[in-house]
Amino acid sequence: MILKGAEAARYLARPDPSRAGLLIFGQDAMRVALKRQEAIAALIGPEGAAEMRLSRLPAADLRRDPAALMDAMTAKGFFAGPRAVLVDEAGDGLAELVGHALKAWRPGDAQLVVTAGGLTGKSALKKLIEAHPNAVCIGLYDDPPTRDEIEAMLRQAGLGALEPAATAALSALSREIDPGDLRQTVEKLALYKLGDPAPLSAAEVAALAPASIEAGVDDLLHAVAEGRRAEVAPLVRRLEAQGVNAVTLCIGALRHFRNLHRIATGAEAGRPGYNPRREQMQRQSQRWGVQRLEEALRLLVETDLTLRSTSRAPAMAVMERALIRLCNHR
């Protein structure tokens, strides 16, 4: 069974303990890790790991010792309570093994939780879980967290009272930073408001937001959006020296140009929030226009597919060439 959107978010917050298995996959490893952590905590409780009711089996180990999966799922622990077996970073090579484990699963066995990177529609592992009557398949994509997800994050951190503008500011911030950074920001805000009965304000969100939201990447993307071609290569070299990889640049570029497209189509109208360069982005969107922004997004999607393929082309060179083409396209 496959779940999407709000239905998937609700399931991850409260998984069905009578299910045999759960697959969580997605390109963003941090997003997958956070949702996996949430689901397992809901399945076995906050003390489950300490009470040894969670077995972790790296996918690489299972390839050497396939029997370890069924052993872990049927083992009886010292502590009473639900158990889970986690298989991290699985791939299609484990589909057959996972299929046998799910077929052999009986009530009382540990629930199998599997995580994976980006899986295609033809993925054997994805097809297996989707078709299984007692397992759930959830794909996580690069879309920003929904309002419900942000509100759940706030509740977990103990932040109850917010001004409407603060909610809008957090929603806007969630489109600019990674899920892990957003969670850290929410936890920081909760500590800041500890003992303060006043509702959280948008000004407080802006004050405690990350001081640098991938500042170097941000500078590069604004240079590209404004056609400053001469600045692209030096900025790419600097970011590469800092350890930023081509896929990270491509994800950032896709996010930036999607934001420009939303502004150009009016989707951002009336949505106040945290964006330190809002006016600059509005000018960029006006210069590009909807049609050319859509062409830019197509180019970036093609580049992303190339970077994630088995191509032997130097990844950073592929990304730099795409950014220069965008400068010229403008």
C-alpha atoms as a PDB file:
ATOM      1  CA  MET A   1       0.000   0.000   0.000  1.00  0.00           C
ATOM      2  CA  ILE A   2       1.307   3.450  -0.911  1.00  0.00           C
ATOM      3  CA  LEU A   3       0.486   6.586   1.108  1.00  0.00           C
ATOM      4  CA  LYS A   4       1.018  10.188   0.034  1.00  0.00           C
ATOM      5  CA  GLY A   5       0.663  13.730   1.345  1.00  0.00           C
ATOM      6  CA  ALA A   6      -1.241  14.325   4.566  1.00  0.00           C
ATOM      7  CA  GLU A   7      -2.186  10.645   4.805  1.00  0.00           C
ATOM      8  CA  ALA A   8       1.515   9.675   4.777  1.00  0.00           C
ATOM      9  CA  ALA A   9       2.353  12.340   7.391  1.00  0.00           C
ATOM     10  CA  ARG A  10      -0.379  11.037   9.705  1.00  0.00           C
ATOM     11  CA  TYR A  11       0.809   7.460   9.284  1.00  0.00           C
ATOM     12  CA  LEU A  12       4.445   8.315  10.060  1.00  0.00           C
ATOM     13  CA  ALA A  13       3.314  10.124  13.222  1.00  0.00           C
ATOM     14  CA  ARG A  14       1.316   7.065  14.318  1.00  0.00           C
ATOM     15  CA  PRO A  15       2.215   3.883  12.382  1.00  0.00           C
ATOM     16  CA  ASP A  16      -0.099   0.880  12.592  1.00  0.00           C
ATOM     17  CA  PRO A  17       1.640  -1.670  14.877  1.00  0.00           C
ATOM     18  CA  SER A  18      -0.241  -4.535  13.216  1.00  0.00           C
ATOM     19  CA  ARG A  19       1.523  -3.926   9.885  1.00  0.00           C
ATOM     20  CA  ALA A  20       4.419  -6.153   8.856  1.00  0.00           C
ATOM     21  CA  GLY A  21       6.574  -3.478   7.236  1.00  0.00           C
ATOM     22  CA  LEU A  22       7.159   0.136   6.309  1.00  0.00           C
ATOM     23  CA  LEU A  23       9.349   1.531   3.510  1.00  0.00           C
ATOM     24  CA  ILE A  24      10.443   5.193   3.635  1.00  0.00           C
ATOM     25  CA  PHE A  25      12.430   6.421   0.630  1.00  0.00           C
ATOM     26  CA  GLY A  26      13.593   9.728  -0.817  1.00  0.00           C
ATOM     27  CA  GLN A  27      16.526  11.644  -2.279  1.00  0.00           C
ATOM     28  CA  ASP A  28      16.922  13.837   0.810  1.00  0.00           C
ATOM     29  CA  ALA A  29      18.722  11.628   3.345  1.00  0.00           C
ATOM     30  CA  MET A  30      18.023  14.057   6.207  1.00  0.00           C
ATOM     31  CA  ARG A  31      14.279  14.105   5.483  1.00  0.00           C
ATOM     32  CA  VAL A  32      14.205  10.291   5.355  1.00  0.00           C
ATOM     33  CA  ALA A  33      16.198  10.017   8.603  1.00  0.00           C
ATOM     34  CA  LEU A  34      13.886  12.414  10.457  1.00  0.00           C
ATOM     35  CA  LYS A  35      10.729  10.614   9.336  1.00  0.00           C
ATOM     36  CA  ARG A  36      12.245   7.219  10.092  1.00  0.00           C
ATOM     37  CA  GLN A  37      13.154   8.445  13.579  1.00  0.00           C
ATOM     38  CA  GLU A  38       9.608   9.744  14.090  1.00  0.00           C
ATOM     39  CA  ALA A  39       7.987   6.506  12.918  1.00  0.00           C
ATOM     40  CA  ILE A  40      10.179   4.225  15.036  1.00  0.00           C
ATOM     41  CA  ALA A  41       9.677   6.359  18.158  1.00  0.00           C
ATOM     42  CA  ALA A  42       5.916   6.091  17.630  1.00  0.00           C
ATOM     43  CA  LEU A  43       6.134   2.325  17.085  1.00  0.00           C
ATOM     44  CA  ILE A  44       8.270   1.294  20.063  1.00  0.00           C
ATOM     45  CA  GLY A  45       8.050   4.309  22.358  1.00  0.00           C
ATOM     46  CA  PRO A  46      10.766   6.668  23.635  1.00  0.00           C
ATOM     47  CA  GLU A  47      12.455   3.914  25.664  1.00  0.00           C
ATOM     48  CA  GLY A  48      12.296   1.272  22.966  1.00  0.00           C
ATOM     49  CA  ALA A  49      15.893   1.604  21.809  1.00  0.00           C
ATOM     50  CA  ALA A  50      17.227   1.667  25.388  1.00  0.00           C
ATOM     51  CA  GLU A  51      15.225  -1.505  26.134  1.00  0.00           C
ATOM     52  CA  MET A  52      16.798  -3.220  23.124  1.00  0.00           C
ATOM     53  CA  ARG A  53      13.494  -3.446  21.239  1.00  0.00           C
ATOM     54  CA  LEU A  54      15.101  -1.949  18.127  1.00  0.00           C
ATOM     55  CA  SER A  55      17.474  -3.963  15.947  1.00  0.00           C
ATOM     56  CA  ARG A  56      19.558  -2.050  13.382  1.00  0.00           C
ATOM     57  CA  LEU A  57      20.739  -3.989  10.336  1.00  0.00           C
ATOM     58  CA  PRO A  58      22.742  -2.057   7.718  1.00  0.00           C
ATOM     59  CA  ALA A  59      21.860  -3.192   4.222  1.00  0.00           C
ATOM     60  CA  ALA A  60      25.518  -4.030   3.518  1.00  0.00           C
ATOM     61  CA  ASP A  61      25.552  -6.511   6.422  1.00  0.00           C
ATOM     62  CA  LEU A  62      22.434  -8.273   5.166  1.00  0.00           C
ATOM     63  CA  ARG A  63      24.046  -8.953   1.821  1.00  0.00           C
ATOM     64  CA  ARG A  64      26.703 -10.957   3.671  1.00  0.00           C
ATOM     65  CA  ASP A  65      24.299 -12.567   6.175  1.00  0.00           C
ATOM     66  CA  PRO A  66      20.718 -12.725   4.796  1.00  0.00           C
ATOM     67  CA  ALA A  67      19.501 -14.944   7.656  1.00  0.00           C
ATOM     68  CA  ALA A  68      20.113 -12.109  10.131  1.00  0.00           C
ATOM     69  CA  LEU A  69      16.908 -10.373   9.016  1.00  0.00           C
ATOM     70  CA  MET A  70      14.514 -13.162   9.980  1.00  0.00           C
ATOM     71  CA  ASP A  71      16.510 -13.848  13.144  1.00  0.00           C
ATOM     72  CA  ALA A  72      16.063 -10.234  14.239  1.00  0.00           C
ATOM     73  CA  MET A  73      12.361 -10.126  13.341  1.00  0.00           C
ATOM     74  CA  THR A  74      11.477 -13.302  15.268  1.00  0.00           C
ATOM     75  CA  ALA A  75      13.829 -12.837  18.237  1.00  0.00           C
ATOM     76  CA  LYS A  76      12.298 -12.442  21.694  1.00  0.00           C
ATOM     77  CA  GLY A  77      13.669  -9.605  23.785  1.00  0.00           C
ATOM     78  CA  PHE A  78      14.177  -9.230  27.533  1.00  0.00           C
ATOM     79  CA  PHE A  79      11.658  -6.373  27.746  1.00  0.00           C
ATOM     80  CA  ALA A  80       7.977  -6.530  26.924  1.00  0.00           C
ATOM     81  CA  GLY A  81       6.624  -4.261  24.228  1.00  0.00           C
ATOM     82  CA  PRO A  82       6.544  -3.811  20.459  1.00  0.00           C
ATOM     83  CA  ARG A  83       9.762  -4.318  18.532  1.00  0.00           C
ATOM     84  CA  ALA A  84      11.144  -3.008  15.249  1.00  0.00           C
ATOM     85  CA  VAL A  85      13.913  -4.013  12.883  1.00  0.00           C
ATOM     86  CA  LEU A  86      15.511  -1.171  10.927  1.00  0.00           C
ATOM     87  CA  VAL A  87      17.251  -1.780   7.597  1.00  0.00           C
ATOM     88  CA  ASP A  88      18.952   1.421   6.450  1.00  0.00           C
ATOM     89  CA  GLU A  89      20.030   2.343   2.906  1.00  0.00           C
ATOM     90  CA  ALA A  90      18.388  -0.605   1.212  1.00  0.00           C
ATOM     91  CA  GLY A  91      18.202  -1.036  -2.536  1.00  0.00           C
ATOM     92  CA  ASP A  92      16.627  -3.307  -5.108  1.00  0.00           C
ATOM     93  CA  GLY A  93      19.243  -5.951  -4.342  1.00  0.00           C
ATOM     94  CA  LEU A  94      17.441  -6.651  -1.066  1.00  0.00           C
ATOM     95  CA  ALA A  95      13.930  -6.814  -2.573  1.00  0.00           C
ATOM     96  CA  GLU A  96      13.798 -10.601  -2.639  1.00  0.00           C
ATOM     97  CA  LEU A  97      15.059 -10.915   0.949  1.00  0.00           C
ATOM     98  CA  VAL A  98      12.585  -8.289   2.194  1.00  0.00           C
ATOM     99  CA  GLY A  99       9.790 -10.083   0.304  1.00  0.00           C
ATOM    100  CA  HIS A 100      10.576 -13.403   2.032  1.00  0.00           C
ATOM    101  CA  ALA A 101      10.681 -11.682   5.435  1.00  0.00           C
ATOM    102  CA  LEU A 102       7.298 -10.020   4.927  1.00  0.00           C
ATOM    103  CA  LYS A 103       5.772 -13.282   3.715  1.00  0.00           C
ATOM    104  CA  ALA A 104       7.036 -15.112   6.810  1.00  0.00           C
ATOM    105  CA  TRP A 105       5.977 -12.348   9.233  1.00  0.00           C
ATOM    106  CA  ARG A 106       3.476 -13.293  11.937  1.00  0.00           C
ATOM    107  CA  PRO A 107       1.734 -11.185  14.606  1.00  0.00           C
ATOM    108  CA  GLY A 108       4.154 -10.729  17.493  1.00  0.00           C
ATOM    109  CA  ASP A 109       7.189 -10.453  15.206  1.00  0.00           C
ATOM    110  CA  ALA A 110       9.069  -7.168  14.996  1.00  0.00           C
ATOM    111  CA  GLN A 111       7.821  -4.688  12.416  1.00  0.00           C
ATOM    112  CA  LEU A 112      10.277  -4.216   9.548  1.00  0.00           C
ATOM    113  CA  VAL A 113      11.203  -0.588   8.791  1.00  0.00           C
ATOM    114  CA  VAL A 114      13.246  -0.091   5.620  1.00  0.00           C
ATOM    115  CA  THR A 115      14.782   3.161   4.370  1.00  0.00           C
ATOM    116  CA  ALA A 116      16.148   3.834   0.902  1.00  0.00           C
ATOM    117  CA  GLY A 117      17.342   6.677  -1.277  1.00  0.00           C
ATOM    118  CA  GLY A 118      15.519   7.829  -4.396  1.00  0.00           C
ATOM    119  CA  LEU A 119      13.676   4.862  -5.933  1.00  0.00           C
ATOM    120  CA  THR A 120      12.305   4.950  -9.462  1.00  0.00           C
ATOM    121  CA  GLY A 121       8.836   3.797 -10.449  1.00  0.00           C
ATOM    122  CA  LYS A 122      10.390   0.551 -11.725  1.00  0.00           C
ATOM    123  CA  SER A 123      12.187  -0.181  -8.434  1.00  0.00           C
ATOM    124  CA  ALA A 124      11.688  -3.810  -7.374  1.00  0.00           C
ATOM    125  CA  LEU A 125      11.757  -2.860  -3.689  1.00  0.00           C
ATOM    126  CA  LYS A 126       9.198  -0.091  -4.144  1.00  0.00           C
ATOM    127  CA  LYS A 127       6.881  -2.297  -6.226  1.00  0.00           C
ATOM    128  CA  LEU A 128       7.125  -5.078  -3.625  1.00  0.00           C
ATOM    129  CA  ILE A 129       6.028  -2.883  -0.701  1.00  0.00           C
ATOM    130  CA  GLU A 130       3.337  -1.085  -2.731  1.00  0.00           C
ATOM    131  CA  ALA A 131       1.759  -4.407  -3.701  1.00  0.00           C
ATOM    132  CA  HIS A 132       2.029  -6.034  -0.261  1.00  0.00           C
ATOM    133  CA  PRO A 133      -1.332  -6.132   1.571  1.00  0.00           C
ATOM    134  CA  ASN A 134       0.260  -5.643   4.994  1.00  0.00           C
ATOM    135  CA  ALA A 135       3.069  -3.142   4.319  1.00  0.00           C
ATOM    136  CA  VAL A 136       3.171   0.597   3.705  1.00  0.00           C
ATOM    137  CA  CYS A 137       5.280   2.489   1.163  1.00  0.00           C
ATOM    138  CA  ILE A 138       5.946   6.226   1.641  1.00  0.00           C
ATOM    139  CA  GLY A 139       8.029   8.381  -0.691  1.00  0.00           C
ATOM    140  CA  LEU A 140       9.468  11.671   0.560  1.00  0.00           C
ATOM    141  CA  TYR A 141      10.212  14.337  -2.009  1.00  0.00           C
ATOM    142  CA  ASP A 142      11.929  17.723  -1.992  1.00  0.00           C
ATOM    143  CA  ASP A 143       8.693  19.637  -1.404  1.00  0.00           C
ATOM    144  CA  PRO A 144       8.761  21.926   1.654  1.00  0.00           C
ATOM    145  CA  PRO A 145       7.066  20.618   4.839  1.00  0.00           C
ATOM    146  CA  THR A 146       3.309  21.063   4.873  1.00  0.00           C
ATOM    147  CA  ARG A 147       1.582  23.302   7.395  1.00  0.00           C
ATOM    148  CA  ASP A 148       0.480  20.202   9.336  1.00  0.00           C
ATOM    149  CA  GLU A 149       4.072  18.926   9.482  1.00  0.00           C
ATOM    150  CA  ILE A 150       5.345  22.277  10.743  1.00  0.00           C
ATOM    151  CA  GLU A 151       2.609  22.424  13.372  1.00  0.00           C
ATOM    152  CA  ALA A 152       3.466  18.878  14.517  1.00  0.00           C
ATOM    153  CA  MET A 153       7.120  19.911  14.807  1.00  0.00           C
ATOM    154  CA  LEU A 154       6.111  22.916  16.902  1.00  0.00           C
ATOM    155  CA  ARG A 155       3.961  20.772  19.216  1.00  0.00           C
ATOM    156  CA  GLN A 156       6.792  18.297  19.735  1.00  0.00           C
ATOM    157  CA  ALA A 157       9.094  21.156  20.703  1.00  0.00           C
ATOM    158  CA  GLY A 158       6.494  22.545  23.116  1.00  0.00           C
ATOM    159  CA  LEU A 159       5.725  25.700  21.157  1.00  0.00           C
ATOM    160  CA  GLY A 160       1.992  26.240  21.393  1.00  0.00           C
ATOM    161  CA  ALA A 161       1.270  29.966  21.117  1.00  0.00           C
ATOM    162  CA  LEU A 162       2.224  31.639  17.843  1.00  0.00           C
ATOM    163  CA  GLU A 163       1.195  34.843  16.161  1.00  0.00           C
ATOM    164  CA  PRO A 164      -0.238  34.248  12.654  1.00  0.00           C
ATOM    165  CA  ALA A 165       2.719  36.102  11.157  1.00  0.00           C
ATOM    166  CA  ALA A 166       5.128  33.761  12.988  1.00  0.00           C
ATOM    167  CA  THR A 167       3.434  30.730  11.430  1.00  0.00           C
ATOM    168  CA  ALA A 168       3.765  32.339   7.987  1.00  0.00           C
ATOM    169  CA  ALA A 169       7.426  33.163   8.713  1.00  0.00           C
ATOM    170  CA  LEU A 170       8.200  29.553   9.661  1.00  0.00           C
ATOM    171  CA  SER A 171       6.394  28.305   6.561  1.00  0.00           C
ATOM    172  CA  ALA A 172       8.492  30.620   4.368  1.00  0.00           C
ATOM    173  CA  LEU A 173      11.673  29.640   6.203  1.00  0.00           C
ATOM    174  CA  SER A 174      10.907  25.945   5.625  1.00  0.00           C
ATOM    175  CA  ARG A 175      11.182  26.565   1.867  1.00  0.00           C
ATOM    176  CA  GLU A 176      14.689  28.000   2.272  1.00  0.00           C
ATOM    177  CA  ILE A 177      16.454  25.536   4.585  1.00  0.00           C
ATOM    178  CA  ASP A 178      16.803  21.774   4.962  1.00  0.00           C
ATOM    179  CA  PRO A 179      14.398  19.817   7.229  1.00  0.00           C
ATOM    180  CA  GLY A 180      17.142  19.144   9.779  1.00  0.00           C
ATOM    181  CA  ASP A 181      18.009  22.844   9.993  1.00  0.00           C
ATOM    182  CA  LEU A 182      14.314  23.693  10.360  1.00  0.00           C
ATOM    183  CA  ARG A 183      13.940  21.258  13.256  1.00  0.00           C
ATOM    184  CA  GLN A 184      17.006  22.748  14.973  1.00  0.00           C
ATOM    185  CA  THR A 185      15.583  26.232  14.478  1.00  0.00           C
ATOM    186  CA  VAL A 186      12.252  25.194  16.028  1.00  0.00           C
ATOM    187  CA  GLU A 187      14.063  23.646  19.009  1.00  0.00           C
ATOM    188  CA  LYS A 188      16.093  26.840  19.406  1.00  0.00           C
ATOM    189  CA  LEU A 189      12.895  28.896  19.346  1.00  0.00           C
ATOM    190  CA  ALA A 190      11.348  26.620  21.995  1.00  0.00           C
ATOM    191  CA  LEU A 191      14.330  27.156  24.302  1.00  0.00           C
ATOM    192  CA  TYR A 192      14.214  30.896  23.675  1.00  0.00           C
ATOM    193  CA  LYS A 193      10.497  31.027  24.605  1.00  0.00           C
ATOM    194  CA  LEU A 194      10.849  28.805  27.677  1.00  0.00           C
ATOM    195  CA  GLY A 195       8.956  30.529  30.487  1.00  0.00           C
ATOM    196  CA  ASP A 196       7.746  33.320  28.192  1.00  0.00           C
ATOM    197  CA  PRO A 197       3.921  33.242  27.914  1.00  0.00           C
ATOM    198  CA  ALA A 198       3.834  35.712  24.993  1.00  0.00           C
ATOM    199  CA  PRO A 199       3.058  34.165  21.577  1.00  0.00           C
ATOM    200  CA  LEU A 200       6.023  33.616  19.278  1.00  0.00           C
ATOM    201  CA  SER A 201       6.387  36.537  16.853  1.00  0.00           C
ATOM    202  CA  ALA A 202       7.666  36.765  13.291  1.00  0.00           C
ATOM    203  CA  ALA A 203      10.455  39.054  14.516  1.00  0.00           C
ATOM    204  CA  GLU A 204      11.663  36.338  16.898  1.00  0.00           C
ATOM    205  CA  VAL A 205      11.621  33.787  14.066  1.00  0.00           C
ATOM    206  CA  ALA A 206      13.718  36.124  11.908  1.00  0.00           C
ATOM    207  CA  ALA A 207      16.125  36.837  14.788  1.00  0.00           C
ATOM    208  CA  LEU A 208      16.759  33.140  15.525  1.00  0.00           C
ATOM    209  CA  ALA A 209      16.725  31.839  11.960  1.00  0.00           C
ATOM    210  CA  PRO A 210      20.088  30.500  10.720  1.00  0.00           C
ATOM    211  CA  ALA A 211      22.462  33.411  10.295  1.00  0.00           C
ATOM    212  CA  SER A 212      23.627  32.017   6.977  1.00  0.00           C
ATOM    213  CA  ILE A 213      21.223  29.942   4.884  1.00  0.00           C
ATOM    214  CA  GLU A 214      23.803  28.331   2.652  1.00  0.00           C
ATOM    215  CA  ALA A 215      25.127  31.869   2.125  1.00  0.00           C
ATOM    216  CA  GLY A 216      27.692  30.898  -0.512  1.00  0.00           C
ATOM    217  CA  VAL A 217      25.171  28.860  -2.493  1.00  0.00           C
ATOM    218  CA  ASP A 218      22.697  31.724  -2.161  1.00  0.00           C
ATOM    219  CA  ASP A 219      25.226  34.198  -3.594  1.00  0.00           C
ATOM    220  CA  LEU A 220      25.921  31.877  -6.525  1.00  0.00           C
ATOM    221  CA  LEU A 221      22.237  31.394  -7.353  1.00  0.00           C
ATOM    222  CA  HIS A 222      21.508  35.121  -7.260  1.00  0.00           C
ATOM    223  CA  ALA A 223      24.485  35.704  -9.572  1.00  0.00           C
ATOM    224  CA  VAL A 224      23.047  33.120 -11.991  1.00  0.00           C
ATOM    225  CA  ALA A 225      19.512  34.529 -11.801  1.00  0.00           C
ATOM    226  CA  GLU A 226      20.875  38.009 -12.572  1.00  0.00           C
ATOM    227  CA  GLY A 227      23.063  36.850 -15.460  1.00  0.00           C
ATOM    228  CA  ARG A 228      26.390  37.707 -13.796  1.00  0.00           C
ATOM    229  CA  ARG A 229      28.254  35.016 -15.719  1.00  0.00           C
ATOM    230  CA  ALA A 230      31.780  36.144 -14.773  1.00  0.00           C
ATOM    231  CA  GLU A 231      31.039  35.390 -11.093  1.00  0.00           C
ATOM    232  CA  VAL A 232      29.795  31.837 -11.629  1.00  0.00           C
ATOM    233  CA  ALA A 233      33.061  29.913 -12.066  1.00  0.00           C
ATOM    234  CA  PRO A 234      34.891  31.554  -9.096  1.00  0.00           C
ATOM    235  CA  LEU A 235      31.890  30.981  -6.805  1.00  0.00           C
ATOM    236  CA  VAL A 236      31.592  27.358  -7.926  1.00  0.00           C
ATOM    237  CA  ARG A 237      35.312  26.792  -7.247  1.00  0.00           C
ATOM    238  CA  ARG A 238      34.992  28.354  -3.780  1.00  0.00           C
ATOM    239  CA  LEU A 239      31.971  26.227  -2.870  1.00  0.00           C
ATOM    240  CA  GLU A 240      33.645  23.087  -4.193  1.00  0.00           C
ATOM    241  CA  ALA A 241      36.673  23.823  -1.977  1.00  0.00           C
ATOM    242  CA  GLN A 242      34.298  24.126   0.996  1.00  0.00           C
ATOM    243  CA  GLY A 243      32.957  20.628   0.325  1.00  0.00           C
ATOM    244  CA  VAL A 244      29.692  21.553  -1.420  1.00  0.00           C
ATOM    245  CA  ASN A 245      28.856  18.948  -4.076  1.00  0.00           C
ATOM    246  CA  ALA A 246      27.098  19.287  -7.422  1.00  0.00           C
ATOM    247  CA  VAL A 247      23.847  17.644  -6.285  1.00  0.00           C
ATOM    248  CA  THR A 248      23.552  20.149  -3.419  1.00  0.00           C
ATOM    249  CA  LEU A 249      24.020  23.012  -5.882  1.00  0.00           C
ATOM    250  CA  CYS A 250      21.395  21.537  -8.205  1.00  0.00           C
ATOM    251  CA  ILE A 251      18.865  21.106  -5.398  1.00  0.00           C
ATOM    252  CA  GLY A 252      19.496  24.704  -4.320  1.00  0.00           C
ATOM    253  CA  ALA A 253      19.109  25.962  -7.889  1.00  0.00           C
ATOM    254  CA  LEU A 254      15.846  24.059  -8.343  1.00  0.00           C
ATOM    255  CA  ARG A 255      14.510  25.496  -5.098  1.00  0.00           C
ATOM    256  CA  HIS A 256      15.551  29.044  -6.071  1.00  0.00           C
ATOM    257  CA  PHE A 257      14.016  28.917  -9.555  1.00  0.00           C
ATOM    258  CA  ARG A 258      10.832  27.272  -8.247  1.00  0.00           C
ATOM    259  CA  ASN A 259      10.514  30.175  -5.810  1.00  0.00           C
ATOM    260  CA  LEU A 260      11.009  32.615  -8.702  1.00  0.00           C
ATOM    261  CA  HIS A 261       8.356  30.743 -10.686  1.00  0.00           C
ATOM    262  CA  ARG A 262       5.913  30.934  -7.775  1.00  0.00           C
ATOM    263  CA  ILE A 263       6.512  34.679  -7.528  1.00  0.00           C
ATOM    264  CA  ALA A 264       6.114  35.146 -11.293  1.00  0.00           C
ATOM    265  CA  THR A 265       2.811  33.238 -11.338  1.00  0.00           C
ATOM    266  CA  GLY A 266       1.464  35.063  -8.285  1.00  0.00           C
ATOM    267  CA  ALA A 267       1.511  31.990  -6.035  1.00  0.00           C
ATOM    268  CA  GLU A 268       3.547  33.904  -3.430  1.00  0.00           C
ATOM    269  CA  ALA A 269       1.150  36.862  -3.327  1.00  0.00           C
ATOM    270  CA  GLY A 270      -0.088  37.662   0.158  1.00  0.00           C
ATOM    271  CA  ARG A 271       2.290  35.174   1.805  1.00  0.00           C
ATOM    272  CA  PRO A 272       4.439  37.170   4.246  1.00  0.00           C
ATOM    273  CA  GLY A 273       7.382  35.471   5.860  1.00  0.00           C
ATOM    274  CA  TYR A 274      11.083  35.134   6.241  1.00  0.00           C
ATOM    275  CA  ASN A 275      12.983  35.883   3.063  1.00  0.00           C
ATOM    276  CA  PRO A 276      15.881  38.325   3.408  1.00  0.00           C
ATOM    277  CA  ARG A 277      16.045  38.887  -0.365  1.00  0.00           C
ATOM    278  CA  ARG A 278      12.371  39.031  -1.270  1.00  0.00           C
ATOM    279  CA  GLU A 279      12.601  42.268  -3.272  1.00  0.00           C
ATOM    280  CA  GLN A 280      15.661  41.017  -5.141  1.00  0.00           C
ATOM    281  CA  MET A 281      13.848  37.792  -6.055  1.00  0.00           C
ATOM    282  CA  GLN A 282      10.791  39.717  -7.177  1.00  0.00           C
ATOM    283  CA  ARG A 283      12.979  41.713  -9.571  1.00  0.00           C
ATOM    284  CA  GLN A 284      14.581  38.507 -10.845  1.00  0.00           C
ATOM    285  CA  SER A 285      11.201  36.850 -11.463  1.00  0.00           C
ATOM    286  CA  GLN A 286       9.978  39.884 -13.402  1.00  0.00           C
ATOM    287  CA  ARG A 287      13.066  39.852 -15.641  1.00  0.00           C
ATOM    288  CA  TRP A 288      12.815  36.131 -16.340  1.00  0.00           C
ATOM    289  CA  GLY A 289       9.075  35.780 -16.841  1.00  0.00           C
ATOM    290  CA  VAL A 290       7.045  32.590 -16.450  1.00  0.00           C
ATOM    291  CA  GLN A 291       7.980  30.953 -19.779  1.00  0.00           C
ATOM    292  CA  ARG A 292      11.755  31.333 -19.394  1.00  0.00           C
ATOM    293  CA  LEU A 293      11.574  30.231 -15.745  1.00  0.00           C
ATOM    294  CA  GLU A 294       9.819  27.041 -16.841  1.00  0.00           C
ATOM    295  CA  GLU A 295      12.555  26.463 -19.428  1.00  0.00           C
ATOM    296  CA  ALA A 296      15.165  27.013 -16.690  1.00  0.00           C
ATOM    297  CA  LEU A 297      13.433  24.473 -14.445  1.00  0.00           C
ATOM    298  CA  ARG A 298      13.421  21.910 -17.272  1.00  0.00           C
ATOM    299  CA  LEU A 299      17.159  22.410 -17.739  1.00  0.00           C
ATOM    300  CA  LEU A 300      17.790  21.972 -14.008  1.00  0.00           C
ATOM    301  CA  VAL A 301      15.657  18.820 -13.827  1.00  0.00           C
ATOM    302  CA  GLU A 302      17.629  17.341 -16.748  1.00  0.00           C
ATOM    303  CA  THR A 303      20.872  18.278 -14.983  1.00  0.00           C
ATOM    304  CA  ASP A 304      19.661  16.683 -11.744  1.00  0.00           C
ATOM    305  CA  LEU A 305      18.872  13.432 -13.583  1.00  0.00           C
ATOM    306  CA  THR A 306      22.339  13.476 -15.189  1.00  0.00           C
ATOM    307  CA  LEU A 307      24.042  14.025 -11.823  1.00  0.00           C
ATOM    308  CA  ARG A 308      22.164  11.127 -10.239  1.00  0.00           C
ATOM    309  CA  SER A 309      22.719   8.772 -13.189  1.00  0.00           C
ATOM    310  CA  THR A 310      25.700   6.511 -13.868  1.00  0.00           C
ATOM    311  CA  SER A 311      27.244   9.105 -16.172  1.00  0.00           C
ATOM    312  CA  ARG A 312      31.033   9.421 -15.796  1.00  0.00           C
ATOM    313  CA  ALA A 313      31.030  13.129 -16.617  1.00  0.00           C
ATOM    314  CA  PRO A 314      32.620  15.258 -13.838  1.00  0.00           C
ATOM    315  CA  ALA A 315      29.617  16.247 -11.715  1.00  0.00           C
ATOM    316  CA  MET A 316      30.735  19.758 -10.812  1.00  0.00           C
ATOM    317  CA  ALA A 317      31.621  20.515 -14.433  1.00  0.00           C
ATOM    318  CA  VAL A 318      28.130  19.380 -15.502  1.00  0.00           C
ATOM    319  CA  MET A 319      26.571  21.640 -12.867  1.00  0.00           C
ATOM    320  CA  GLU A 320      28.770  24.625 -13.720  1.00  0.00           C
ATOM    321  CA  ARG A 321      27.920  24.289 -17.426  1.00  0.00           C
ATOM    322  CA  ALA A 322      24.190  24.259 -16.581  1.00  0.00           C
ATOM    323  CA  LEU A 323      24.533  27.405 -14.464  1.00  0.00           C
ATOM    324  CA  ILE A 324      26.405  29.210 -17.247  1.00  0.00           C
ATOM    325  CA  ARG A 325      23.697  28.166 -19.726  1.00  0.00           C
ATOM    326  CA  LEU A 326      21.141  29.725 -17.388  1.00  0.00           C
ATOM    327  CA  CYS A 327      23.141  32.966 -17.321  1.00  0.00           C
ATOM    328  CA  ASN A 328      23.187  33.014 -21.113  1.00  0.00           C
ATOM    329  CA  HIS A 329      19.529  32.031 -21.325  1.00  0.00           C
ATOM    330  CA  ARG A 330      18.508  35.034 -19.289  1.00  0.00           C
END
